[in-house]
């Protein structure tokens, strides 16, 4: 885009909250990742810093998956449009800390 102010990882927000328990009484957490860059172009190749992320419940790998230690990929690297919300649920004893590590325009 040339204008670096219109494509910024800081405009991708990550929200997370507790959302119940699995059948085995493992805590579940819902995560929403939102492109809040309403007036900018789409971004792609969104990488999320995710520690040693693992889940006791299956997550669609086309939505969110760990590709390396501390590196998770959103939407298999595909486009995240302005205003788009991606949501998934995972199960683990404790919540993970997520942060946007990299985006491409």
Protein backbone atom coordinates (compact mmCIF):
# COMPACT_ATOMS: atom_id res chain seq x y z
CA UNK A 1 0.00 0.00 0.00
CA UNK A 2 2.90 2.42 0.25
CA UNK A 3 1.23 4.25 3.15
CA UNK A 4 2.46 2.27 6.15
CA UNK A 5 -0.06 3.95 8.46
CA UNK A 6 -2.95 2.20 6.68
CA UNK A 7 -1.67 -1.32 7.28
CA UNK A 8 -0.73 -1.96 10.85
CA UNK A 9 -0.72 -5.02 13.09
CA UNK A 10 -1.87 -2.83 15.97
CA UNK A 11 -5.26 -2.55 14.24
CA UNK A 12 -5.74 -6.30 14.57
CA UNK A 13 -7.27 -6.88 18.00
CA UNK A 14 -7.41 -10.12 19.95
CA UNK A 15 -10.16 -10.66 22.52
CA UNK A 16 -10.39 -13.71 24.78
CA UNK A 17 -12.74 -14.85 27.53
CA UNK A 18 -13.67 -18.01 29.48
CA UNK A 19 -16.52 -19.91 27.83
CA UNK A 20 -17.29 -22.94 29.98
CA UNK A 21 -15.87 -26.44 30.32
CA UNK A 22 -15.42 -29.53 28.16
CA UNK A 23 -17.07 -32.84 29.04
CA UNK A 24 -13.83 -33.70 30.91
CA UNK A 25 -14.13 -30.47 32.93
CA UNK A 26 -11.25 -28.73 31.12
CA UNK A 27 -11.74 -24.95 30.89
CA UNK A 28 -12.69 -23.59 27.47
CA UNK A 29 -11.78 -20.16 26.13
CA UNK A 30 -13.23 -18.26 23.19
CA UNK A 31 -10.90 -16.12 21.08
CA UNK A 32 -11.96 -13.45 18.61
CA UNK A 33 -9.47 -11.81 16.28
CA UNK A 34 -10.82 -8.67 14.63
CA UNK A 35 -9.41 -6.50 11.86
CA UNK A 36 -10.41 -3.07 13.21
CA UNK A 37 -8.74 -1.21 10.33
CA UNK A 38 -12.14 -0.17 8.94
CA UNK A 39 -10.76 2.23 6.31
CA UNK A 40 -7.70 0.24 5.22
CA UNK A 41 -6.96 -2.58 2.85
CA UNK A 42 -7.11 -6.21 3.82
CA UNK A 43 -4.15 -7.88 5.49
CA UNK A 44 -2.87 -11.42 5.05
CA UNK A 45 -0.23 -13.76 6.45
CA UNK A 46 -1.29 -12.84 10.00
CA UNK A 47 1.03 -14.48 12.53
CA UNK A 48 0.10 -14.58 16.21
CA UNK A 49 2.57 -14.96 19.05
CA UNK A 50 1.08 -17.93 20.92
CA UNK A 51 3.71 -19.54 23.15
CA UNK A 52 3.43 -23.33 23.30
CA UNK A 53 -0.21 -23.24 22.22
CA UNK A 54 -2.10 -26.53 22.40
CA UNK A 55 -5.75 -27.37 22.84
CA UNK A 56 -7.56 -30.37 24.30
CA UNK A 57 -10.32 -29.72 21.74
CA UNK A 58 -9.93 -29.69 17.96
CA UNK A 59 -9.52 -26.33 16.22
CA UNK A 60 -9.99 -26.13 12.46
CA UNK A 61 -6.39 -25.68 11.21
CA UNK A 62 -7.68 -23.50 8.36
CA UNK A 63 -8.80 -21.02 11.04
CA UNK A 64 -5.91 -21.11 13.54
CA UNK A 65 -2.91 -23.38 13.93
CA UNK A 66 0.50 -23.47 15.53
CA UNK A 67 3.23 -23.67 12.89
CA UNK A 68 6.21 -23.37 15.22
CA UNK A 69 7.19 -22.61 18.78
CA UNK A 70 5.46 -19.36 19.65
CA UNK A 71 4.14 -18.90 16.09
CA UNK A 72 0.52 -19.45 15.11
CA UNK A 73 -1.03 -18.69 11.72
CA UNK A 74 -4.48 -17.18 11.24
CA UNK A 75 -6.73 -18.33 8.35
CA UNK A 76 -3.90 -20.35 6.81
CA UNK A 77 -2.29 -17.04 5.82
CA UNK A 78 -5.30 -15.92 3.77
CA UNK A 79 -6.82 -12.44 3.70
CA UNK A 80 -8.38 -10.83 6.78
CA UNK A 81 -10.68 -8.09 5.47
CA UNK A 82 -11.46 -4.82 7.29
CA UNK A 83 -14.12 -5.51 9.92
CA UNK A 84 -13.73 -9.29 9.62
CA UNK A 85 -13.99 -11.32 12.82
CA UNK A 86 -12.38 -14.75 13.22
CA UNK A 87 -13.50 -16.78 16.21
CA UNK A 88 -12.41 -20.10 17.66
CA UNK A 89 -12.61 -21.96 20.94
CA UNK A 90 -9.84 -23.92 22.65
CA UNK A 91 -9.58 -25.98 25.82
CA UNK A 92 -6.68 -25.87 28.25
CA UNK A 93 -6.12 -25.63 32.00
CA UNK A 94 -4.94 -22.01 31.69
CA UNK A 95 -5.52 -19.36 29.01
CA UNK A 96 -2.75 -18.50 26.57
CA UNK A 97 -1.52 -14.98 25.92
CA UNK A 98 -1.93 -14.04 22.26
CA UNK A 99 -0.40 -11.05 20.46
CA UNK A 100 -0.08 -10.07 16.81
CA UNK A 101 3.48 -10.83 15.72
CA UNK A 102 3.35 -10.02 11.99
CA UNK A 103 0.97 -9.00 9.21
CA UNK A 104 1.45 -8.43 5.49
CA UNK A 105 -0.41 -5.97 3.26
